[in-house]
């Protein structure tokens, strides 16, 4: 498993309407296989999404305004 990219960004919690931080980490796990690990700053909820090469490149090349 290899770390490819990571980003941290603010988001608005829908339940509490408080600003929180989230972290997304893109990991390469095989020849054409990637995992995107997403978690909030409190670490209560995590998500893991499988990406192919094309989806990983799209995620890497997104500009900040695209995912705010």
Protein backbone atom coordinates (compact mmCIF):
# COMPACT_ATOMS: atom_id res chain seq x y z
CA UNK A 1 0.00 0.00 0.00
CA UNK A 2 1.41 3.39 -1.00
CA UNK A 3 0.27 6.91 -0.08
CA UNK A 4 -0.43 8.89 -3.27
CA UNK A 5 -2.07 12.10 -2.01
CA UNK A 6 -3.83 13.58 0.97
CA UNK A 7 -5.92 16.68 1.53
CA UNK A 8 -7.63 18.31 4.47
CA UNK A 9 -10.56 20.70 4.13
CA UNK A 10 -13.33 22.35 6.16
CA UNK A 11 -16.97 21.31 5.88
CA UNK A 12 -20.25 22.18 7.55
CA UNK A 13 -21.74 19.46 9.75
CA UNK A 14 -25.38 19.08 8.70
CA UNK A 15 -26.59 18.10 12.19
CA UNK A 16 -24.82 20.68 14.36
CA UNK A 17 -24.15 23.35 11.70
CA UNK A 18 -20.61 23.63 13.03
CA UNK A 19 -17.55 23.91 10.83
CA UNK A 20 -15.39 20.80 11.06
CA UNK A 21 -12.40 19.41 9.19
CA UNK A 22 -12.17 16.31 7.05
CA UNK A 23 -9.24 14.41 5.60
CA UNK A 24 -9.18 12.40 2.37
CA UNK A 25 -6.26 10.07 1.67
CA UNK A 26 -5.67 8.34 -1.67
CA UNK A 27 -3.80 5.03 -1.39
CA UNK A 28 -2.47 2.84 -4.18
CA UNK A 29 -3.11 -0.81 -3.36
CA UNK A 30 -2.38 -2.51 -6.68
CA UNK A 31 -1.46 -2.07 -10.32
CA UNK A 32 -4.70 -0.29 -11.28
CA UNK A 33 -6.41 -0.13 -7.91
CA UNK A 34 -6.73 2.71 -5.43
CA UNK A 35 -8.62 3.32 -2.20
CA UNK A 36 -9.88 6.72 -1.09
CA UNK A 37 -10.08 6.85 2.70
CA UNK A 38 -12.33 9.66 3.97
CA UNK A 39 -12.70 10.65 7.62
CA UNK A 40 -13.86 13.62 9.69
CA UNK A 41 -11.66 15.19 12.36
CA UNK A 42 -13.48 13.38 15.16
CA UNK A 43 -12.85 10.00 13.53
CA UNK A 44 -16.34 8.71 14.34
CA UNK A 45 -17.34 7.99 10.74
CA UNK A 46 -15.00 6.73 8.05
CA UNK A 47 -15.54 5.75 4.43
CA UNK A 48 -13.45 3.68 2.05
CA UNK A 49 -14.07 3.95 -1.69
CA UNK A 50 -12.41 1.83 -4.38
CA UNK A 51 -11.10 3.78 -7.41
CA UNK A 52 -9.68 2.74 -10.77
CA UNK A 53 -6.82 4.73 -12.36
CA UNK A 54 -9.10 7.18 -14.16
CA UNK A 55 -11.12 8.02 -11.04
CA UNK A 56 -7.93 8.44 -9.00
CA UNK A 57 -6.52 10.89 -11.58
CA UNK A 58 -9.77 12.87 -11.60
CA UNK A 59 -9.69 13.08 -7.79
CA UNK A 60 -6.04 14.19 -7.74
CA UNK A 61 -6.63 16.90 -10.35
CA UNK A 62 -9.73 18.42 -8.77
CA UNK A 63 -9.26 22.03 -7.78
CA UNK A 64 -10.16 23.18 -4.29
CA UNK A 65 -13.28 25.03 -5.44
CA UNK A 66 -14.59 21.76 -6.97
CA UNK A 67 -14.86 20.00 -3.60
CA UNK A 68 -15.57 22.77 -1.12
